[in-house]
Amino acid sequence: MAATAFVTLLGASGFRSAPGVFVEPLHAEFGWSTATISSAVSLNLLLYGVMSPFAAALMERFGMRRVVSIALLLVAAGSGLTVFMTAAWQLVLLWGVLVGVGTGSMALAFVATVVGRWFVARRGLVSGVLTAAQAAGGLVFLPLMASLAGSVGWRFASLVVAAGALVVVPLVLLLLRDRPSDVGTVAHGAATGEAEPEEVVTTGAARRTVTVLLDAARTSTFWLLAGGFAICGATTVGLLNTHFVPAAHDHGMPATTAAGLLAVVGVFDVAGTIASGYLTDRVDPRKLLAVYYVLRGASLMVLPFLLAPTAAPPLWAFIIFYGLDWVATVPPTVALCREHFGSRAPIVFGWVFAAHQVGSAIAAVGAGLIRDLTGAYDGAWWSAGALCLVAAGLSVAIRRAARTPAGLASGG
């Protein structure tokens, strides 16, 4: 189960992030502004998050296998049809809506669902491994996408994404299962015959998703987690993942080189996120989040001084450090959702992740506007660094739950 989820998340992330290397080719061919192209990426990021809690509820009702398979087909359709587009609104519809909805149905709420159902022991470690797949997928695939877009064209690269999504469908249908009981076993770390109590669901997926949100929104914990995670999204996926390649290109660096540096971020992200999962099982998650955000903010503040036509040692140091910190925030956030919201944690985390993508969407458009208005990305990097300090403060303000509830905790 963990291996199947890993491959699915790796692919989903790669599919979602592909537009990051299409900014320059689309601008060159169609003459669309950076802000116009960024708006499609922004909608993609927004739907990627908004769909997450609804997907978690749909997985409760219809099963993970069905939801993930349909999501992959949506990605294939959205990516494949882009080869025929001639107007900006078509880019928004295909990459923004179809790919956004498809990849959003395989987002981090999927991680929370798999971990919550299939693991009792080592939840933090497994969530770290699966999160690493989700984050590293896009960064690892970026050099391939950039190379294809530069050599044979962005249309061929889009078709590669569509084919990749279709290839994963049989794997999901054959191997993905909803619960340990489906194959006659128990969750990892659970005693034989022991099953964690689950809330009886009698409402539709959409209604349950909204009900859980309304209940969670009554607690300060939810808003503190959502606020911090919105900043997390703004300072990673929305800013660096979307704009690092064009920002580096502004300083004379070839797009393929910049995409290669992002791939290195993905490599170190795997190590950093797995280590974060290991630490989450042993250290106060709030303290981990605060440390991660402070270190990330400091690194973003110095990035404008490191960009150059070539990758000098100081820039390599940033890439390695940022990779270790990229999504190290996810395992502690999942743990805090589980601690405070119990069996509803996947849906609650889906809403927290939706906030993450709202932040990503704002940053994707905002950074593009800053570039169009000022001619440089410096203001975007410095603003993101300052926001990270705010996220650290929000994380420290979260109170620990007195106990792990079966349903939704009332305190916090």
Protein backbone atom coordinates (compact mmCIF):
# COMPACT_ATOMS: atom_id res chain seq x y z
CA MET A 1 0.00 0.00 0.00
CA ALA A 2 2.73 2.44 0.92
CA ALA A 3 4.63 1.64 -2.29
CA THR A 4 1.53 2.05 -4.48
CA ALA A 5 0.64 5.33 -2.80
CA PHE A 6 4.26 6.47 -3.22
CA VAL A 7 4.23 5.91 -7.00
CA THR A 8 0.80 7.54 -7.37
CA LEU A 9 1.82 10.62 -5.41
CA LEU A 10 5.13 10.86 -7.26
CA GLY A 11 3.31 10.94 -10.58
CA ALA A 12 0.53 13.26 -9.43
CA SER A 13 3.02 15.84 -8.26
CA GLY A 14 4.97 15.65 -11.50
CA PHE A 15 1.79 16.12 -13.54
CA ARG A 16 0.71 19.16 -11.52
CA SER A 17 4.03 20.97 -11.60
CA ALA A 18 4.73 20.59 -15.32
CA PRO A 19 3.33 24.06 -16.26
CA GLY A 20 6.24 25.65 -14.38
CA VAL A 21 8.58 24.92 -17.31
CA PHE A 22 6.00 25.95 -19.92
CA VAL A 23 5.96 29.64 -18.93
CA GLU A 24 8.71 30.70 -21.33
CA PRO A 25 7.65 28.49 -24.30
CA LEU A 26 4.01 29.62 -24.04
CA HIS A 27 5.07 33.26 -23.79
CA ALA A 28 7.31 32.87 -26.84
CA GLU A 29 4.67 31.12 -28.99
CA PHE A 30 1.46 32.90 -28.00
CA GLY A 31 2.75 36.17 -26.56
CA TRP A 32 0.80 35.70 -23.33
CA SER A 33 2.14 37.69 -20.37
CA THR A 34 3.73 36.04 -17.33
CA ALA A 35 0.73 37.09 -15.25
CA THR A 36 -1.71 35.50 -17.74
CA ILE A 37 0.12 32.18 -17.80
CA SER A 38 0.56 32.34 -14.02
CA SER A 39 -3.21 32.69 -13.63
CA ALA A 40 -3.67 29.19 -15.09
CA VAL A 41 -0.99 27.86 -12.76
CA SER A 42 -2.65 29.71 -9.90
CA LEU A 43 -6.04 28.10 -10.58
CA ASN A 44 -4.31 24.73 -10.85
CA LEU A 45 -2.76 25.26 -7.41
CA LEU A 46 -6.03 26.50 -5.93
CA LEU A 47 -8.09 23.53 -7.15
CA TYR A 48 -5.27 21.19 -6.17
CA GLY A 49 -5.94 22.26 -2.60
CA VAL A 50 -9.69 22.85 -2.61
CA MET A 51 -10.36 19.38 -4.02
CA SER A 52 -8.32 17.72 -1.27
CA PRO A 53 -10.95 17.63 1.52
CA PHE A 54 -13.71 16.64 -0.91
CA ALA A 55 -11.48 13.87 -2.28
CA ALA A 56 -10.90 12.59 1.27
CA ALA A 57 -14.67 12.42 1.81
CA LEU A 58 -15.19 10.76 -1.58
CA MET A 59 -12.58 8.16 -0.63
CA GLU A 60 -14.62 7.41 2.49
CA ARG A 61 -17.76 6.89 0.40
CA PHE A 62 -16.52 5.32 -2.85
CA GLY A 63 -13.05 4.05 -2.00
CA MET A 64 -9.54 5.24 -2.77
CA ARG A 65 -9.15 3.06 -5.87
CA ARG A 66 -12.11 4.57 -7.74
CA VAL A 67 -11.34 8.16 -6.80
CA VAL A 68 -7.65 7.95 -7.70
CA SER A 69 -8.31 6.16 -11.01
CA ILE A 70 -10.81 8.80 -12.15
CA ALA A 71 -8.40 11.54 -11.05
CA LEU A 72 -5.64 10.09 -13.23
CA LEU A 73 -7.98 10.03 -16.24
CA LEU A 74 -8.80 13.70 -15.68
CA VAL A 75 -5.08 14.54 -15.63
CA ALA A 76 -4.53 12.62 -18.86
CA ALA A 77 -7.41 14.43 -20.57
CA GLY A 78 -6.38 17.88 -19.35
CA SER A 79 -2.75 17.48 -20.33
CA GLY A 80 -3.34 15.72 -23.64
CA LEU A 81 -5.86 18.24 -24.94
CA THR A 82 -3.48 21.18 -24.41
CA VAL A 83 -1.76 20.33 -27.70
CA PHE A 84 -4.85 21.71 -29.47
CA MET A 85 -5.22 24.98 -27.52
CA THR A 86 -5.00 28.35 -29.25
CA ALA A 87 -6.27 30.77 -26.56
CA ALA A 88 -5.37 31.57 -22.96
CA TRP A 89 -8.80 30.54 -21.63
CA GLN A 90 -8.15 27.02 -22.90
CA LEU A 91 -4.93 26.88 -20.88
CA VAL A 92 -6.92 27.94 -17.83
CA LEU A 93 -9.58 25.28 -18.47
CA LEU A 94 -7.22 22.40 -19.21
CA TRP A 95 -4.19 22.94 -16.97
CA GLY A 96 -6.08 25.00 -14.43
CA VAL A 97 -9.36 23.10 -14.03
CA LEU A 98 -8.95 19.53 -15.29
CA VAL A 99 -5.39 18.93 -14.13
CA GLY A 100 -6.04 20.90 -10.94
CA VAL A 101 -9.08 18.78 -10.01
CA GLY A 102 -7.35 15.54 -10.99
CA THR A 103 -4.13 16.10 -9.09
CA GLY A 104 -6.04 17.63 -6.17
CA SER A 105 -7.84 14.32 -5.75
CA MET A 106 -4.44 12.68 -5.19
CA ALA A 107 -3.01 15.35 -2.90
CA LEU A 108 -1.80 15.17 0.70
CA ALA A 109 -5.24 14.26 2.07
CA PHE A 110 -4.61 10.97 0.28
CA VAL A 111 -1.46 10.64 2.40
CA ALA A 112 -3.44 11.26 5.59
CA THR A 113 -6.07 8.69 4.52
CA VAL A 114 -3.53 5.95 3.72
CA VAL A 115 -1.52 6.55 6.88
CA GLY A 116 -4.59 6.74 9.11
CA ARG A 117 -6.11 3.51 7.80
CA TRP A 118 -3.07 1.32 7.23
CA PHE A 119 -0.61 2.35 9.97
CA VAL A 120 -0.67 2.59 13.74
CA ALA A 121 3.07 2.37 14.38
CA ARG A 122 5.48 4.71 12.55
CA ARG A 123 2.76 7.00 11.24
CA GLY A 124 5.11 9.97 11.23
CA LEU A 125 7.80 8.14 9.29
CA VAL A 126 5.39 6.79 6.66
CA SER A 127 3.72 10.19 6.24
CA GLY A 128 7.20 11.62 5.71
CA VAL A 129 8.03 9.06 3.02
CA LEU A 130 4.73 9.61 1.16
CA THR A 131 5.00 13.37 1.49
CA ALA A 132 8.50 13.20 0.04
CA ALA A 133 7.03 11.45 -3.00
CA GLN A 134 4.36 14.11 -3.39
CA ALA A 135 6.88 16.94 -3.19
CA ALA A 136 9.77 15.37 -5.04
CA GLY A 137 7.70 14.18 -8.00
CA GLY A 138 7.38 17.58 -9.58
CA LEU A 139 10.94 18.58 -8.88
CA VAL A 140 12.38 15.34 -10.24
CA PHE A 141 10.26 15.51 -13.41
CA LEU A 142 11.01 19.18 -14.05
CA PRO A 143 14.36 18.59 -15.83
CA LEU A 144 12.70 16.05 -18.15
CA MET A 145 9.85 18.44 -18.90
CA ALA A 146 12.25 21.35 -19.44
CA SER A 147 14.45 19.26 -21.73
CA LEU A 148 11.49 18.04 -23.80
CA ALA A 149 9.95 21.52 -23.99
CA GLY A 150 13.25 22.98 -25.15
CA SER A 151 14.18 20.27 -27.64
CA VAL A 152 10.98 18.87 -29.17
CA GLY A 153 8.43 21.39 -27.88
CA TRP A 154 6.03 21.84 -25.00
CA ARG A 155 3.29 19.90 -26.81
CA PHE A 156 5.30 16.70 -26.77
CA ALA A 157 6.04 17.26 -23.08
CA SER A 158 2.30 17.60 -22.41
CA LEU A 159 1.65 14.31 -24.17
CA VAL A 160 4.31 12.65 -22.02
CA VAL A 161 2.42 13.83 -18.92
CA ALA A 162 -0.84 12.41 -20.31
CA ALA A 163 0.79 9.07 -21.07
CA GLY A 164 2.34 8.93 -17.62
CA ALA A 165 -1.03 9.41 -15.97
CA LEU A 166 -2.57 6.62 -18.03
CA VAL A 167 0.27 4.24 -17.16
CA VAL A 168 -0.40 4.62 -13.42
CA VAL A 169 -4.11 3.69 -13.72
CA PRO A 170 -3.59 -0.12 -14.00
CA LEU A 171 -1.23 -0.03 -11.01
CA VAL A 172 -3.90 1.67 -8.89
CA LEU A 173 -6.64 -0.72 -10.01
CA LEU A 174 -4.54 -3.80 -9.29
CA LEU A 175 -2.85 -2.89 -6.00
CA LEU A 176 -4.67 -0.09 -4.16
CA ARG A 177 -7.03 -1.26 -1.41
CA ASP A 178 -9.18 0.80 0.95
CA ARG A 179 -8.68 -0.92 4.31
CA PRO A 180 -6.56 -3.70 5.85
CA SER A 181 -9.72 -5.76 6.34
CA ASP A 182 -10.14 -5.90 2.54
CA VAL A 183 -7.14 -8.23 2.37
CA GLY A 184 -7.66 -9.98 5.69
CA THR A 185 -5.08 -8.14 7.77
CA VAL A 186 -4.79 -5.28 10.27
CA ALA A 187 -3.02 -1.94 10.20
CA HIS A 188 0.74 -2.00 10.66
CA GLY A 189 1.47 -1.94 14.38
CA ALA A 190 -2.05 -2.95 15.43
CA ALA A 191 -2.75 -6.14 17.36
CA THR A 192 -4.57 -8.95 15.55
CA GLY A 193 -8.28 -8.28 15.60
CA GLU A 194 -7.71 -4.68 16.71
CA ALA A 195 -9.25 -1.97 14.57
CA GLU A 196 -9.30 1.73 15.33
CA PRO A 197 -12.86 3.01 15.86
CA GLU A 198 -14.18 4.96 12.91
CA GLU A 199 -16.95 7.50 12.78
CA VAL A 200 -20.12 6.21 11.11
CA VAL A 201 -20.75 8.31 8.01
CA THR A 202 -24.38 8.71 6.94
CA THR A 203 -24.20 11.87 4.83
CA GLY A 204 -23.00 12.55 1.30
CA ALA A 205 -19.38 13.35 0.63
CA ALA A 206 -19.92 17.06 -0.08
CA ARG A 207 -22.10 17.59 2.98
CA ARG A 208 -19.68 15.72 5.23
CA THR A 209 -16.76 17.73 3.93
CA VAL A 210 -18.50 21.01 4.75
CA THR A 211 -19.76 19.73 8.13
CA VAL A 212 -16.25 18.73 9.19
CA LEU A 213 -14.96 22.15 8.12
CA LEU A 214 -17.62 23.98 10.14
CA ASP A 215 -16.84 21.89 13.23
CA ALA A 216 -13.07 22.29 12.86
CA ALA A 217 -13.41 26.04 12.23
CA ARG A 218 -14.71 26.44 15.79
CA THR A 219 -11.24 25.66 17.12
CA SER A 220 -8.23 27.95 17.15
CA THR A 221 -6.00 24.99 16.27
CA PHE A 222 -7.54 24.73 12.82
CA TRP A 223 -6.96 28.40 12.01
CA LEU A 224 -3.40 28.36 13.30
CA LEU A 225 -2.60 25.26 11.24
CA ALA A 226 -4.36 26.66 8.16
CA GLY A 227 -2.61 30.03 8.45
CA GLY A 228 0.82 28.48 8.82
CA PHE A 229 0.22 26.05 5.98
CA ALA A 230 -1.02 28.83 3.67
CA ILE A 231 2.35 30.52 4.17
CA CYS A 232 4.06 27.18 3.60
CA GLY A 233 2.37 26.89 0.22
CA ALA A 234 3.13 30.47 -0.71
CA THR A 235 6.84 30.04 0.01
CA THR A 236 7.32 26.69 -1.77
CA VAL A 237 4.96 25.54 -4.53
CA GLY A 238 3.50 28.94 -5.36
CA LEU A 239 6.78 30.87 -5.38
CA LEU A 240 9.86 28.70 -5.80
CA ASN A 241 8.36 25.84 -7.78
CA THR A 242 6.53 28.16 -10.18
CA HIS A 243 8.97 31.06 -10.52
CA PHE A 244 12.47 29.81 -9.76
CA VAL A 245 13.14 28.78 -13.38
CA PRO A 246 12.08 32.12 -14.94
CA ALA A 247 13.77 34.04 -12.09
CA ALA A 248 17.05 32.23 -12.66
CA HIS A 249 16.65 32.80 -16.40
CA ASP A 250 16.37 36.54 -15.68
CA HIS A 251 19.90 36.32 -14.25
CA GLY A 252 21.23 34.60 -17.37
CA MET A 253 20.91 30.98 -16.25
CA PRO A 254 19.61 28.50 -18.87
CA ALA A 255 16.15 27.12 -18.09
CA THR A 256 17.42 23.54 -18.18
CA THR A 257 20.10 24.36 -15.60
CA ALA A 258 17.56 26.02 -13.31
CA ALA A 259 15.20 23.06 -13.66
CA GLY A 260 18.09 20.77 -12.81
CA LEU A 261 18.68 22.71 -9.60
CA LEU A 262 15.02 22.22 -8.68
CA ALA A 263 15.51 18.50 -9.27
CA VAL A 264 18.33 18.58 -6.71
CA VAL A 265 15.89 20.25 -4.31
CA GLY A 266 13.64 17.23 -4.89
CA VAL A 267 16.43 14.79 -4.10
CA PHE A 268 17.26 16.44 -0.79
CA ASP A 269 13.58 16.91 -0.07
CA VAL A 270 13.21 13.14 0.14
CA ALA A 271 15.85 12.95 2.86
CA GLY A 272 14.55 16.01 4.70
CA THR A 273 10.91 14.93 4.73
CA ILE A 274 11.66 11.37 5.81
CA ALA A 275 13.86 12.75 8.60
CA SER A 276 11.03 15.09 9.58
CA GLY A 277 8.64 12.14 9.76
CA TYR A 278 11.09 10.30 11.99
CA LEU A 279 11.42 13.36 14.26
CA THR A 280 7.64 13.85 14.35
CA ASP A 281 7.28 10.50 16.10
CA ARG A 282 9.67 11.76 18.81
CA VAL A 283 9.60 15.59 19.05
CA ASP A 284 6.85 18.15 19.69
CA PRO A 285 5.47 18.85 16.17
CA ARG A 286 4.88 22.53 17.00
CA LYS A 287 8.55 23.09 17.73
CA LEU A 288 9.55 21.33 14.52
CA LEU A 289 7.26 23.59 12.49
CA ALA A 290 8.63 26.74 14.11
CA VAL A 291 12.23 25.74 13.38
CA TYR A 292 11.44 24.80 9.78
CA TYR A 293 9.72 28.11 9.04
CA VAL A 294 12.44 30.27 10.61
CA LEU A 295 15.18 28.50 8.63
CA ARG A 296 13.17 28.72 5.41
CA GLY A 297 12.56 32.44 5.87
CA ALA A 298 16.24 33.13 6.41
CA SER A 299 17.21 31.26 3.25
CA LEU A 300 14.65 33.11 1.10
CA MET A 301 15.96 36.46 2.32
CA VAL A 302 19.40 35.76 0.85
CA LEU A 303 18.31 34.05 -2.38
CA PRO A 304 18.23 37.26 -4.52
CA PHE A 305 21.94 37.72 -3.83
CA LEU A 306 22.78 34.16 -4.96
CA LEU A 307 21.15 33.99 -8.40
CA ALA A 308 23.67 34.26 -11.26
CA PRO A 309 24.29 32.91 -14.78
CA THR A 310 25.98 29.83 -13.28
CA ALA A 311 25.33 27.76 -10.17
CA ALA A 312 28.04 28.96 -7.80
CA PRO A 313 28.70 27.18 -4.45
CA PRO A 314 26.52 29.59 -2.40
CA LEU A 315 23.53 28.82 -4.65
CA TRP A 316 24.21 25.11 -4.31
CA ALA A 317 24.18 25.56 -0.53
CA PHE A 318 20.75 27.21 -0.79
CA ILE A 319 19.43 24.41 -3.03
CA ILE A 320 20.57 21.68 -0.66
CA PHE A 321 19.29 23.45 2.44
CA TYR A 322 15.96 24.36 0.87
CA GLY A 323 15.53 20.81 -0.30
CA LEU A 324 15.88 19.51 3.25
CA ASP A 325 13.26 22.02 4.41
CA TRP A 326 10.91 21.94 1.38
CA VAL A 327 7.95 19.97 2.77
CA ALA A 328 9.37 18.91 6.10
CA THR A 329 6.35 20.80 7.49
CA VAL A 330 3.86 18.15 6.37
CA PRO A 331 4.49 15.26 8.84
CA PRO A 332 4.19 17.55 11.92
CA THR A 333 1.04 19.14 10.46
CA VAL A 334 -0.55 15.73 9.77
CA ALA A 335 0.35 14.64 13.31
CA LEU A 336 -1.27 17.73 14.85
CA CYS A 337 -4.43 17.16 12.79
CA ARG A 338 -4.56 13.56 13.98
CA GLU A 339 -3.94 14.63 17.56
CA HIS A 340 -6.69 17.24 17.60
CA PHE A 341 -9.27 15.86 15.17
CA GLY A 342 -9.00 12.07 15.38
CA SER A 343 -10.79 10.04 12.69
CA ARG A 344 -11.78 13.23 10.87
CA ALA A 345 -8.12 14.16 10.45
CA PRO A 346 -7.88 13.32 6.70
CA ILE A 347 -10.73 15.70 5.84
CA VAL A 348 -9.53 18.37 8.28
CA PHE A 349 -6.03 18.09 6.88
CA GLY A 350 -7.59 18.37 3.43
CA TRP A 351 -8.97 21.77 4.41
CA VAL A 352 -5.63 22.77 5.94
CA PHE A 353 -4.00 21.72 2.69
CA ALA A 354 -6.60 23.78 0.81
CA ALA A 355 -5.28 26.79 2.72
CA HIS A 356 -1.79 25.73 1.64
CA GLN A 357 -2.86 25.89 -1.99
CA VAL A 358 -4.69 29.20 -1.55
CA GLY A 359 -1.37 30.57 -0.36
CA SER A 360 0.33 28.90 -3.33
CA ALA A 361 -2.14 30.43 -5.77
CA ILE A 362 -1.74 33.92 -4.33
CA ALA A 363 2.04 33.64 -4.47
CA ALA A 364 2.01 32.29 -8.03
CA VAL A 365 0.03 35.28 -9.30
CA GLY A 366 1.62 37.78 -6.92
CA ALA A 367 5.17 36.90 -7.88
CA GLY A 368 4.24 37.14 -11.56
CA LEU A 369 2.78 40.60 -10.99
CA ILE A 370 5.85 41.71 -9.05
CA ARG A 371 8.02 40.54 -11.95
CA ASP A 372 5.86 42.37 -14.52
CA LEU A 373 5.73 45.61 -12.49
CA THR A 374 9.30 45.81 -11.18
CA GLY A 375 11.23 43.74 -13.70
CA ALA A 376 12.62 41.48 -10.98
CA TYR A 377 11.56 38.86 -8.43
CA ASP A 378 13.51 40.31 -5.47
CA GLY A 379 10.44 41.70 -3.72
CA ALA A 380 8.73 38.31 -3.93
CA TRP A 381 11.64 36.51 -2.23
CA TRP A 382 11.90 39.06 0.60
CA SER A 383 8.15 39.12 1.24
CA ALA A 384 8.08 35.32 1.43
CA GLY A 385 10.94 35.32 3.92
CA ALA A 386 9.06 37.69 6.22
CA LEU A 387 5.91 35.58 6.00
CA CYS A 388 7.84 32.53 7.17
CA LEU A 389 8.53 34.26 10.48
CA VAL A 390 4.77 34.79 10.88
CA ALA A 391 4.18 31.08 10.23
CA ALA A 392 6.68 30.19 12.95
CA GLY A 393 4.73 32.31 15.43
CA LEU A 394 1.43 30.66 14.45
CA SER A 395 2.94 27.21 14.97
CA VAL A 396 4.19 27.99 18.46
CA ALA A 397 0.72 29.30 19.40
CA ILE A 398 -0.91 25.88 18.84
CA ARG A 399 -1.78 24.13 22.10
CA ARG A 400 -1.20 20.41 22.54
CA ALA A 401 -4.32 18.26 22.88
CA ALA A 402 -4.79 16.61 26.25
CA ARG A 403 -5.70 13.33 24.53
CA THR A 404 -6.19 11.86 21.08
CA PRO A 405 -9.92 12.00 20.39
CA ALA A 406 -12.02 9.50 18.50
CA GLY A 407 -13.79 12.24 16.64
CA LEU A 408 -13.25 15.96 16.67
CA ALA A 409 -11.53 17.48 19.67
CA SER A 410 -13.38 20.33 21.23
CA GLY A 411 -10.39 22.05 22.73
CA GLY A 412 -7.54 23.76 20.97
